[in-house]
Every structure is written in structure tokens, then in C-alpha cells.
Amino acid sequence: MHMAVWQKSSYSGDATNCLNVAAAGSGLFRLRESDDPDTVLAVAPATLRALLRVTASRSWPSPRPAPSSAGPNPRSGSRSAGGSG
């Protein structure tokens, strides 16, 4: 089994909560958060390039609206100042 050699992002500095990356033997890259090292994503090089390009430009895509079948947003209703109605 290939032992992953994890590298910490140079942008993380001394932070303890950061993204780690490792090359996988299959030509993919593995990504994990340092605070949850058991959850690992395997991504293709083109996917990692796209992630790096977006994060470097800080031009995050707009979030997609929730599907209409989700029903009304419970936080959007009005409440009185007392919270009882």
C-alpha cells in the first residue's frame, strides 16, 4: 500500500486548521482537512487546478438556490419581539 506524504499549504502558516494535499499513486491527488484527517477526497489534477485557480482569484461561484421542493424557509417567518408568536 502506498503511504501518503501529506503536505500542508504554505498559505496556512502556523495555523492548525488547514488543507493538506498528497499525491496518490493512481495519478490523483488526495485532499484532507487537518482537523478531520480520516476524511479524504481523491481528485483529478484538473479538478485540483480548478480549485486552486478559484481560491487564488477569490472569485467564488454564487451558491445555487435551494430546490423549491424544500418548502418554506422556517427562518423567514416573522416573529414578535417576545418570541411567542
Protein backbone atom coordinates (compact mmCIF):
# COMPACT_ATOMS: atom_id res chain seq x y z
CA MET A 1 0.00 0.00 0.00
CA HIS A 2 1.25 3.48 -0.91
CA MET A 3 1.89 5.65 2.14
CA ALA A 4 0.66 9.19 1.50
CA VAL A 5 3.10 12.00 2.19
CA TRP A 6 0.89 14.89 3.25
CA GLN A 7 1.94 18.49 2.64
CA LYS A 8 0.49 21.49 4.42
CA SER A 9 -0.46 24.53 2.39
CA SER A 10 2.19 27.26 2.55
CA TYR A 11 -0.66 29.77 2.98
CA SER A 12 -1.59 28.13 6.31
CA GLY A 13 1.46 29.44 8.13
CA ASP A 14 1.34 28.31 11.75
CA ALA A 15 -2.41 27.62 11.65
CA THR A 16 -3.53 24.21 12.85
CA ASN A 17 -6.73 24.06 10.79
CA CYS A 18 -5.59 23.80 7.19
CA LEU A 19 -5.81 21.84 3.97
CA ASN A 20 -3.34 19.02 3.31
CA VAL A 21 -2.55 17.53 -0.10
CA ALA A 22 -0.82 14.30 -1.11
CA ALA A 23 -0.13 12.63 -4.44
CA ALA A 24 -1.84 9.29 -4.87
CA GLY A 25 -0.15 6.51 -6.80
CA SER A 26 -3.03 6.46 -9.30
CA GLY A 27 -2.31 9.94 -10.69
CA LEU A 28 -4.92 11.51 -8.44
CA PHE A 29 -4.39 13.91 -5.56
CA ARG A 30 -5.74 13.41 -2.08
CA LEU A 31 -7.12 16.30 -0.04
CA ARG A 32 -7.99 16.41 3.66
CA GLU A 33 -8.55 18.93 6.41
CA SER A 34 -6.05 18.76 9.23
CA ASP A 35 -8.83 18.76 11.83
CA ASP A 36 -10.52 15.74 10.16
CA PRO A 37 -7.66 13.63 8.75
CA ASP A 38 -9.78 10.48 8.32
CA THR A 39 -11.94 12.12 5.64
CA VAL A 40 -10.01 12.14 2.37
CA LEU A 41 -11.10 13.28 -1.08
CA ALA A 42 -9.39 11.93 -4.20
CA VAL A 43 -9.43 14.42 -7.08
CA ALA A 44 -8.08 14.51 -10.61
CA PRO A 45 -5.31 17.00 -11.44
CA ALA A 46 -7.72 19.16 -13.49
CA THR A 47 -10.09 19.37 -10.51
CA LEU A 48 -7.29 20.42 -8.17
CA ARG A 49 -6.13 23.05 -10.69
CA ALA A 50 -9.67 24.45 -10.87
CA LEU A 51 -9.91 24.59 -7.07
CA LEU A 52 -6.57 26.39 -6.81
CA ARG A 53 -7.49 28.82 -9.59
CA VAL A 54 -10.78 29.75 -7.89
CA THR A 55 -9.26 30.10 -4.43
CA ALA A 56 -6.33 32.17 -5.75
CA SER A 57 -8.67 34.54 -7.58
CA ARG A 58 -11.13 34.63 -4.68
CA SER A 59 -13.96 34.65 -7.21
CA TRP A 60 -16.23 32.11 -5.59
CA PRO A 61 -19.19 30.99 -7.68
CA SER A 62 -22.58 32.09 -6.40
CA PRO A 63 -24.38 29.41 -4.38
CA ARG A 64 -27.21 27.68 -6.15
CA PRO A 65 -30.71 28.35 -4.83
CA ALA A 66 -32.31 25.57 -2.83
CA PRO A 67 -34.77 23.36 -4.73
CA SER A 68 -38.35 24.61 -4.49
CA SER A 69 -39.46 21.26 -3.05
CA ALA A 70 -37.62 22.11 0.18
CA GLY A 71 -40.67 24.02 1.40
CA PRO A 72 -40.78 27.38 3.12
CA ASN A 73 -37.76 28.64 4.99
CA PRO A 74 -38.60 28.40 8.71
CA ARG A 75 -36.30 31.35 9.45
CA SER A 76 -38.05 33.67 7.03
CA GLY A 77 -41.28 33.95 9.06
CA SER A 78 -41.88 37.00 11.21
CA ARG A 79 -41.91 36.73 14.98
CA SER A 80 -42.84 39.15 17.66
CA ALA A 81 -40.14 40.61 19.89
CA GLY A 82 -41.27 38.37 22.73
CA GLY A 83 -40.73 35.22 20.66
CA SER A 84 -44.15 33.75 21.47
CA GLY A 85 -45.82 34.10 18.17
